[in-house]
N, C-alpha and C. Protein backbone atom coordinates (compact mmCIF):
# COMPACT_ATOMS: atom_id res chain seq x y z
N SER A 1 127.77 72.20 -112.24
CA SER A 1 127.28 72.85 -111.05
C SER A 1 125.88 73.39 -111.30
N PHE A 2 125.62 73.91 -112.51
CA PHE A 2 124.29 74.43 -112.82
C PHE A 2 123.31 73.29 -113.13
N GLY A 3 123.80 72.14 -113.57
CA GLY A 3 122.94 71.01 -113.92
C GLY A 3 122.31 70.36 -112.70
N ALA A 4 123.01 70.33 -111.57
CA ALA A 4 122.48 69.66 -110.38
C ALA A 4 121.21 70.33 -109.85
N PRO A 5 121.16 71.67 -109.69
CA PRO A 5 119.91 72.28 -109.24
C PRO A 5 118.77 72.09 -110.24
N ALA A 6 119.10 72.08 -111.52
CA ALA A 6 118.05 71.89 -112.53
C ALA A 6 117.46 70.49 -112.41
N LEU A 7 118.30 69.48 -112.19
CA LEU A 7 117.82 68.12 -112.04
C LEU A 7 117.00 67.97 -110.76
N ALA A 8 117.44 68.62 -109.70
CA ALA A 8 116.70 68.55 -108.44
C ALA A 8 115.33 69.20 -108.60
N GLY A 9 115.27 70.30 -109.32
CA GLY A 9 113.99 70.96 -109.57
C GLY A 9 113.08 70.10 -110.42
N ALA A 10 113.63 69.44 -111.41
CA ALA A 10 112.83 68.58 -112.27
C ALA A 10 112.31 67.38 -111.49
N ALA A 11 113.15 66.81 -110.64
CA ALA A 11 112.72 65.65 -109.86
C ALA A 11 111.67 66.05 -108.84
N ALA A 12 111.82 67.24 -108.26
CA ALA A 12 110.87 67.69 -107.24
C ALA A 12 109.52 68.01 -107.89
N GLY A 13 109.54 68.50 -109.13
CA GLY A 13 108.28 68.82 -109.80
C GLY A 13 107.76 67.59 -110.52
N GLY A 14 108.56 67.04 -111.41
CA GLY A 14 108.17 65.86 -112.18
C GLY A 14 106.87 66.07 -112.92
N THR A 15 106.39 65.03 -113.53
CA THR A 15 105.10 65.07 -114.19
C THR A 15 104.18 64.04 -113.53
N ALA A 16 102.92 64.18 -113.80
CA ALA A 16 101.96 63.24 -113.24
C ALA A 16 102.25 61.82 -113.74
N ALA A 17 102.60 61.70 -115.01
CA ALA A 17 102.90 60.39 -115.58
C ALA A 17 104.13 59.77 -114.91
N GLN A 18 105.14 60.61 -114.61
CA GLN A 18 106.33 60.10 -113.93
C GLN A 18 105.99 59.61 -112.52
N ALA A 19 105.14 60.34 -111.82
CA ALA A 19 104.75 59.94 -110.47
C ALA A 19 103.99 58.61 -110.50
N ILE A 20 103.09 58.46 -111.45
CA ILE A 20 102.33 57.21 -111.56
C ILE A 20 103.25 56.06 -111.90
N THR A 21 104.16 56.25 -112.86
CA THR A 21 105.11 55.21 -113.24
C THR A 21 106.02 54.85 -112.09
N ASP A 22 106.50 55.86 -111.36
CA ASP A 22 107.38 55.64 -110.21
C ASP A 22 106.69 54.75 -109.18
N CYS A 23 105.47 55.08 -108.86
CA CYS A 23 104.72 54.30 -107.87
C CYS A 23 104.42 52.90 -108.41
N ASN A 24 104.01 52.81 -109.66
CA ASN A 24 103.65 51.53 -110.25
C ASN A 24 104.87 50.60 -110.32
N ASP A 25 106.03 51.15 -110.60
CA ASP A 25 107.25 50.34 -110.71
C ASP A 25 107.78 49.90 -109.35
N HIS A 26 107.65 50.75 -108.33
CA HIS A 26 108.29 50.48 -107.05
C HIS A 26 107.32 50.21 -105.89
N GLY A 27 106.03 50.43 -106.10
CA GLY A 27 105.07 50.27 -105.02
C GLY A 27 105.10 51.42 -104.02
N ARG A 28 105.91 52.42 -104.30
CA ARG A 28 106.04 53.62 -103.48
C ARG A 28 106.65 54.70 -104.35
N LEU A 29 106.66 55.93 -103.83
CA LEU A 29 107.29 57.02 -104.56
C LEU A 29 108.76 57.08 -104.17
N THR A 30 109.64 56.95 -105.16
CA THR A 30 111.08 57.01 -104.88
C THR A 30 111.64 58.40 -105.12
N GLN A 31 110.86 59.27 -105.75
CA GLN A 31 111.27 60.65 -106.02
C GLN A 31 110.32 61.58 -105.28
N SER A 32 110.71 62.86 -105.25
CA SER A 32 109.83 63.88 -104.67
C SER A 32 109.07 64.56 -105.79
N TYR A 33 107.77 64.76 -105.56
CA TYR A 33 106.92 65.42 -106.55
C TYR A 33 106.16 66.53 -105.86
N SER A 34 105.88 67.60 -106.60
CA SER A 34 105.16 68.73 -106.03
C SER A 34 103.70 68.35 -105.78
N SER A 35 103.05 69.10 -104.92
CA SER A 35 101.64 68.84 -104.62
C SER A 35 100.76 68.96 -105.86
N PRO A 36 100.94 69.98 -106.71
CA PRO A 36 100.12 70.04 -107.93
C PRO A 36 100.34 68.82 -108.83
N THR A 37 101.58 68.33 -108.89
CA THR A 37 101.88 67.14 -109.71
C THR A 37 101.18 65.92 -109.14
N LEU A 38 101.17 65.78 -107.82
CA LEU A 38 100.50 64.64 -107.19
C LEU A 38 98.99 64.71 -107.40
N ARG A 39 98.44 65.91 -107.31
CA ARG A 39 97.01 66.08 -107.58
C ARG A 39 96.67 65.67 -109.01
N GLN A 40 97.51 66.10 -109.93
CA GLN A 40 97.31 65.77 -111.33
C GLN A 40 97.46 64.26 -111.55
N ALA A 41 98.41 63.63 -110.86
CA ALA A 41 98.60 62.17 -110.98
C ALA A 41 97.34 61.43 -110.51
N LEU A 42 96.74 61.90 -109.42
CA LEU A 42 95.51 61.26 -108.93
C LEU A 42 94.38 61.42 -109.95
N ALA A 43 94.31 62.58 -110.57
CA ALA A 43 93.23 62.85 -111.53
C ALA A 43 93.43 62.08 -112.83
N GLN A 44 94.68 61.85 -113.23
CA GLN A 44 94.97 61.23 -114.52
C GLN A 44 95.26 59.73 -114.42
N MET A 45 95.24 59.18 -113.22
CA MET A 45 95.62 57.78 -113.05
C MET A 45 94.70 56.86 -113.84
N PRO A 46 95.28 55.96 -114.65
CA PRO A 46 94.46 55.01 -115.41
C PRO A 46 93.66 54.10 -114.47
N ALA A 47 92.52 53.67 -114.94
CA ALA A 47 91.62 52.85 -114.12
C ALA A 47 92.27 51.55 -113.66
N ASP A 48 93.07 50.91 -114.54
CA ASP A 48 93.69 49.64 -114.13
C ASP A 48 94.73 49.84 -113.04
N VAL A 49 95.47 50.93 -113.10
CA VAL A 49 96.46 51.21 -112.05
C VAL A 49 95.73 51.52 -110.74
N ARG A 50 94.66 52.30 -110.82
CA ARG A 50 93.89 52.64 -109.63
C ARG A 50 93.27 51.40 -109.01
N GLU A 51 92.80 50.48 -109.87
CA GLU A 51 92.07 49.30 -109.39
C GLU A 51 93.00 48.21 -108.85
N TYR A 52 94.12 47.97 -109.52
CA TYR A 52 94.94 46.80 -109.20
C TYR A 52 96.25 47.09 -108.48
N THR A 53 96.51 48.34 -108.17
CA THR A 53 97.70 48.69 -107.39
C THR A 53 97.28 49.58 -106.22
N ASN A 54 98.23 49.84 -105.35
CA ASN A 54 97.94 50.74 -104.23
C ASN A 54 98.46 52.15 -104.52
N CYS A 55 98.75 52.46 -105.78
CA CYS A 55 99.34 53.75 -106.14
C CYS A 55 98.44 54.93 -105.80
N PHE A 56 97.15 54.78 -105.95
CA PHE A 56 96.26 55.89 -105.61
C PHE A 56 96.43 56.25 -104.14
N ASP A 57 96.43 55.24 -103.27
CA ASP A 57 96.59 55.48 -101.84
C ASP A 57 97.97 56.05 -101.52
N VAL A 58 99.01 55.51 -102.17
CA VAL A 58 100.37 55.97 -101.91
C VAL A 58 100.51 57.45 -102.28
N ILE A 59 100.04 57.80 -103.46
CA ILE A 59 100.16 59.19 -103.92
C ILE A 59 99.29 60.11 -103.08
N GLU A 60 98.09 59.65 -102.74
CA GLU A 60 97.20 60.47 -101.92
C GLU A 60 97.79 60.71 -100.53
N ARG A 61 98.36 59.68 -99.93
CA ARG A 61 98.99 59.86 -98.60
C ARG A 61 100.16 60.84 -98.67
N GLN A 62 100.95 60.74 -99.74
CA GLN A 62 102.06 61.67 -99.90
C GLN A 62 101.55 63.10 -100.07
N LEU A 63 100.48 63.26 -100.80
CA LEU A 63 99.91 64.58 -101.01
C LEU A 63 99.41 65.15 -99.68
N PHE A 64 98.72 64.35 -98.88
CA PHE A 64 98.25 64.81 -97.57
C PHE A 64 99.42 65.17 -96.67
N LYS A 65 100.44 64.37 -96.74
CA LYS A 65 101.64 64.62 -95.93
C LYS A 65 102.26 65.97 -96.31
N GLN A 66 102.35 66.22 -97.60
CA GLN A 66 102.92 67.48 -98.07
C GLN A 66 102.02 68.66 -97.74
N LEU A 67 100.74 68.45 -97.71
CA LEU A 67 99.82 69.55 -97.40
C LEU A 67 99.71 69.77 -95.90
N GLY A 68 100.33 68.89 -95.11
CA GLY A 68 100.35 69.08 -93.67
C GLY A 68 99.13 68.55 -92.96
N GLN A 69 98.36 67.70 -93.61
CA GLN A 69 97.19 67.14 -92.95
C GLN A 69 97.61 65.94 -92.13
N SER A 70 96.80 65.62 -91.12
CA SER A 70 97.14 64.52 -90.23
C SER A 70 96.97 63.18 -90.93
N GLY A 71 97.65 62.17 -90.40
CA GLY A 71 97.56 60.82 -90.96
C GLY A 71 96.18 60.23 -90.81
N ALA A 72 95.45 60.61 -89.75
CA ALA A 72 94.11 60.06 -89.54
C ALA A 72 93.17 60.54 -90.64
N ALA A 73 93.25 61.80 -90.99
CA ALA A 73 92.38 62.32 -92.05
C ALA A 73 92.76 61.69 -93.38
N GLY A 74 94.03 61.49 -93.62
CA GLY A 74 94.48 60.86 -94.86
C GLY A 74 94.02 59.44 -94.96
N GLY A 75 94.08 58.69 -93.86
CA GLY A 75 93.64 57.30 -93.88
C GLY A 75 92.16 57.18 -94.15
N ALA A 76 91.36 58.05 -93.54
CA ALA A 76 89.92 57.98 -93.74
C ALA A 76 89.56 58.36 -95.17
N SER A 77 90.22 59.35 -95.70
CA SER A 77 89.90 59.80 -97.04
C SER A 77 90.37 58.81 -98.09
N SER A 78 91.52 58.18 -97.87
CA SER A 78 92.05 57.29 -98.90
C SER A 78 91.17 56.07 -99.07
N THR A 79 90.59 55.55 -98.00
CA THR A 79 89.74 54.38 -98.16
C THR A 79 88.43 54.74 -98.84
N SER A 80 87.93 55.95 -98.61
CA SER A 80 86.65 56.29 -99.22
C SER A 80 86.82 56.68 -100.68
N SER A 81 87.95 57.23 -101.06
CA SER A 81 88.09 57.70 -102.43
C SER A 81 88.58 56.61 -103.38
N SER A 82 89.26 55.59 -102.87
CA SER A 82 89.80 54.58 -103.77
C SER A 82 88.86 53.41 -103.98
N GLY A 83 87.76 53.36 -103.29
CA GLY A 83 86.80 52.29 -103.48
C GLY A 83 87.02 51.14 -102.54
N GLY A 84 88.23 50.68 -102.36
CA GLY A 84 88.56 49.64 -101.42
C GLY A 84 88.11 48.25 -101.83
N SER A 85 87.53 48.06 -103.00
CA SER A 85 87.05 46.75 -103.42
C SER A 85 87.93 46.22 -104.54
N VAL A 86 88.11 44.92 -104.54
CA VAL A 86 88.88 44.29 -105.61
C VAL A 86 87.99 44.07 -106.83
N LEU A 87 86.70 43.82 -106.61
CA LEU A 87 85.77 43.56 -107.71
C LEU A 87 85.21 44.87 -108.25
N PRO A 88 84.98 44.92 -109.56
CA PRO A 88 84.34 46.11 -110.14
C PRO A 88 82.90 46.24 -109.62
N THR A 89 82.43 47.46 -109.57
CA THR A 89 81.10 47.73 -109.03
C THR A 89 80.01 46.99 -109.80
N TRP A 90 80.09 46.94 -111.12
CA TRP A 90 79.05 46.28 -111.90
C TRP A 90 78.96 44.80 -111.56
N LEU A 91 80.10 44.16 -111.28
CA LEU A 91 80.10 42.75 -110.93
C LEU A 91 79.45 42.52 -109.57
N ILE A 92 79.70 43.41 -108.64
CA ILE A 92 79.07 43.31 -107.32
C ILE A 92 77.56 43.44 -107.45
N VAL A 93 77.10 44.37 -108.28
CA VAL A 93 75.66 44.55 -108.49
C VAL A 93 75.04 43.30 -109.09
N VAL A 94 75.70 42.69 -110.08
CA VAL A 94 75.19 41.47 -110.71
C VAL A 94 75.10 40.34 -109.69
N ILE A 95 76.12 40.19 -108.86
CA ILE A 95 76.13 39.14 -107.83
C ILE A 95 74.99 39.34 -106.85
N VAL A 96 74.77 40.57 -106.42
CA VAL A 96 73.69 40.86 -105.47
C VAL A 96 72.32 40.55 -106.09
N VAL A 97 72.12 40.95 -107.34
CA VAL A 97 70.85 40.70 -108.02
C VAL A 97 70.61 39.20 -108.16
N LEU A 98 71.63 38.44 -108.55
CA LEU A 98 71.49 36.99 -108.67
C LEU A 98 71.19 36.35 -107.32
N ALA A 99 71.84 36.81 -106.27
CA ALA A 99 71.59 36.26 -104.93
C ALA A 99 70.15 36.54 -104.50
N LEU A 100 69.66 37.75 -104.75
CA LEU A 100 68.27 38.07 -104.39
C LEU A 100 67.28 37.23 -105.20
N ALA A 101 67.57 37.01 -106.48
CA ALA A 101 66.69 36.18 -107.30
C ALA A 101 66.68 34.75 -106.77
N ALA A 102 67.84 34.22 -106.41
CA ALA A 102 67.91 32.85 -105.87
C ALA A 102 67.12 32.74 -104.57
N ILE A 103 67.24 33.72 -103.71
CA ILE A 103 66.50 33.70 -102.44
C ILE A 103 65.00 33.76 -102.70
N THR A 104 64.58 34.61 -103.63
CA THR A 104 63.17 34.75 -103.95
C THR A 104 62.59 33.44 -104.50
N PHE A 105 63.28 32.85 -105.48
CA PHE A 105 62.78 31.60 -106.07
C PHE A 105 62.83 30.45 -105.07
N GLY A 106 63.82 30.44 -104.21
CA GLY A 106 63.88 29.43 -103.16
C GLY A 106 62.72 29.55 -102.19
N ALA A 107 62.40 30.78 -101.81
CA ALA A 107 61.28 31.00 -100.90
C ALA A 107 59.96 30.60 -101.55
N LEU A 108 59.79 30.92 -102.83
CA LEU A 108 58.57 30.52 -103.53
C LEU A 108 58.45 29.00 -103.62
N ALA A 109 59.55 28.31 -103.87
CA ALA A 109 59.52 26.85 -103.94
C ALA A 109 59.15 26.26 -102.59
N LEU A 110 59.70 26.80 -101.51
CA LEU A 110 59.36 26.31 -100.17
C LEU A 110 57.89 26.59 -99.86
N ARG A 111 57.41 27.73 -100.26
CA ARG A 111 56.02 28.08 -99.98
C ARG A 111 55.07 27.12 -100.70
N ARG A 112 55.38 26.80 -101.97
CA ARG A 112 54.55 25.86 -102.71
C ARG A 112 54.58 24.48 -102.08
N ARG A 113 55.70 24.09 -101.57
CA ARG A 113 55.85 22.77 -100.97
C ARG A 113 55.07 22.69 -99.66
N ARG A 114 54.98 23.77 -98.92
CA ARG A 114 54.35 23.77 -97.61
C ARG A 114 52.83 23.88 -97.67
N ILE A 115 52.25 24.41 -98.73
CA ILE A 115 50.80 24.58 -98.82
C ILE A 115 50.20 23.22 -99.14
N PRO A 116 49.35 22.66 -98.22
CA PRO A 116 48.74 21.35 -98.51
C PRO A 116 47.66 21.51 -99.58
N PRO A 117 47.49 20.48 -100.42
CA PRO A 117 46.42 20.55 -101.44
C PRO A 117 45.06 20.58 -100.76
N GLN A 118 44.12 21.27 -101.35
CA GLN A 118 42.77 21.38 -100.79
C GLN A 118 42.02 20.08 -101.02
N PRO A 119 41.16 19.65 -100.05
CA PRO A 119 40.38 18.42 -100.25
C PRO A 119 39.48 18.58 -101.48
N GLY A 120 39.43 17.54 -102.28
CA GLY A 120 38.61 17.56 -103.48
C GLY A 120 39.30 18.19 -104.67
N ALA A 121 40.42 18.85 -104.46
CA ALA A 121 41.14 19.46 -105.57
C ALA A 121 41.90 18.37 -106.31
N PRO A 122 42.09 18.53 -107.60
CA PRO A 122 42.84 17.52 -108.35
C PRO A 122 44.22 17.32 -107.71
N GLY A 123 44.58 16.08 -107.52
CA GLY A 123 45.88 15.79 -106.92
C GLY A 123 45.85 15.86 -105.42
N GLY A 124 44.66 16.05 -104.81
CA GLY A 124 44.56 16.15 -103.36
C GLY A 124 44.76 14.80 -102.69
N PRO A 125 44.94 14.79 -101.37
CA PRO A 125 45.23 13.54 -100.69
C PRO A 125 44.04 12.58 -100.65
N ASP A 126 42.81 13.09 -100.80
CA ASP A 126 41.66 12.20 -100.70
C ASP A 126 41.19 11.73 -102.07
N GLU A 127 41.89 12.07 -103.12
CA GLU A 127 41.50 11.61 -104.44
C GLU A 127 42.13 10.25 -104.71
N PRO A 128 41.30 9.22 -105.04
CA PRO A 128 41.86 7.89 -105.29
C PRO A 128 42.63 7.86 -106.61
N ALA A 129 43.45 6.85 -106.73
CA ALA A 129 44.26 6.72 -107.92
C ALA A 129 43.43 6.24 -109.10
N GLY A 130 42.41 5.39 -108.86
CA GLY A 130 41.60 4.82 -109.95
C GLY A 130 40.26 5.50 -110.06
N PRO A 131 39.25 4.76 -110.62
CA PRO A 131 37.90 5.34 -110.72
C PRO A 131 37.28 5.49 -109.34
N PRO A 132 36.31 6.37 -109.20
CA PRO A 132 35.72 6.59 -107.88
C PRO A 132 35.05 5.31 -107.38
N PRO A 133 35.14 5.03 -106.07
CA PRO A 133 34.53 3.81 -105.53
C PRO A 133 33.01 3.96 -105.54
N SER A 134 32.32 2.81 -105.73
CA SER A 134 30.86 2.86 -105.73
C SER A 134 30.35 2.52 -104.34
N ASP A 135 29.23 3.13 -103.98
CA ASP A 135 28.60 2.87 -102.68
C ASP A 135 27.92 1.50 -102.77
N PRO A 136 28.17 0.59 -101.77
CA PRO A 136 27.59 -0.75 -101.89
C PRO A 136 26.06 -0.74 -101.92
N GLY A 137 25.41 0.27 -101.36
CA GLY A 137 23.95 0.31 -101.36
C GLY A 137 23.37 0.90 -102.62
N VAL A 138 24.17 1.48 -103.45
CA VAL A 138 23.69 2.13 -104.67
C VAL A 138 24.29 1.38 -105.84
N PRO A 139 23.45 0.96 -106.76
CA PRO A 139 24.01 0.25 -107.93
C PRO A 139 24.81 1.23 -108.79
N PRO A 140 25.79 0.70 -109.50
CA PRO A 140 26.55 1.58 -110.41
C PRO A 140 25.64 2.19 -111.45
N SER A 141 26.02 3.35 -111.94
CA SER A 141 25.15 4.05 -112.89
C SER A 141 24.96 3.21 -114.15
N GLY A 142 23.72 3.09 -114.54
CA GLY A 142 23.42 2.34 -115.75
C GLY A 142 23.29 0.84 -115.51
N ALA A 143 23.79 0.31 -114.40
CA ALA A 143 23.75 -1.13 -114.17
C ALA A 143 22.42 -1.57 -113.58
N GLY A 144 21.73 -0.78 -112.80
CA GLY A 144 20.51 -1.23 -112.13
C GLY A 144 19.26 -0.66 -112.72
N ASP A 145 19.30 -0.07 -113.88
CA ASP A 145 18.12 0.55 -114.44
C ASP A 145 17.07 -0.50 -114.84
N SER A 146 17.48 -1.63 -115.36
CA SER A 146 16.51 -2.63 -115.81
C SER A 146 16.24 -3.68 -114.75
N GLU A 147 17.00 -3.72 -113.69
CA GLU A 147 16.83 -4.73 -112.65
C GLU A 147 16.00 -4.18 -111.51
N GLY A 148 15.44 -5.10 -110.71
CA GLY A 148 14.70 -4.70 -109.54
C GLY A 148 13.26 -4.41 -109.86
N PRO A 149 12.41 -4.27 -108.82
CA PRO A 149 11.00 -4.00 -109.05
C PRO A 149 10.78 -2.59 -109.57
N PRO A 150 9.75 -2.42 -110.37
CA PRO A 150 9.45 -1.06 -110.82
C PRO A 150 9.03 -0.21 -109.64
N ALA A 151 9.20 1.01 -109.77
CA ALA A 151 8.96 1.93 -108.66
C ALA A 151 7.48 2.05 -108.31
N ASN A 152 6.54 1.82 -109.25
CA ASN A 152 5.12 1.99 -109.00
C ASN A 152 4.40 0.68 -108.70
N GLU A 153 5.04 -0.42 -108.63
CA GLU A 153 4.38 -1.70 -108.39
C GLU A 153 4.12 -1.90 -106.91
N PRO A 154 2.93 -2.61 -106.61
CA PRO A 154 2.59 -2.88 -105.20
C PRO A 154 3.34 -4.00 -104.58
């Protein structure tokens, strides 16, 4: 007769570790825990349990319920405090940085492709593939020096 109230008191108080294990094993709380115990469970919850289970939200909702707060306030607070993301923050930052780098390099590549080469610049559209063409009225350099009349002759 004296053991039953003692067990009820222990179950109602429990420990933070018991509350976390209870939630982790069942996906919900199957026992009653005091508000201080639930607060302590939220503070001591291992990162993997917080990240990969819904135990943080379950325990937090139960704590709000016991404190008499409305479900709307509990829902808003639980999503902001638990992170709500499956990926770790550092991985999200790395993905964003890589995406921005890809966009930047892609834009630079497009910009280089769109700028037409300047006339006369190496590789420009008006540069011939071979040696420069000679003007038909002008002899090639060095070829006409000894031919033709001298410049001072009548």
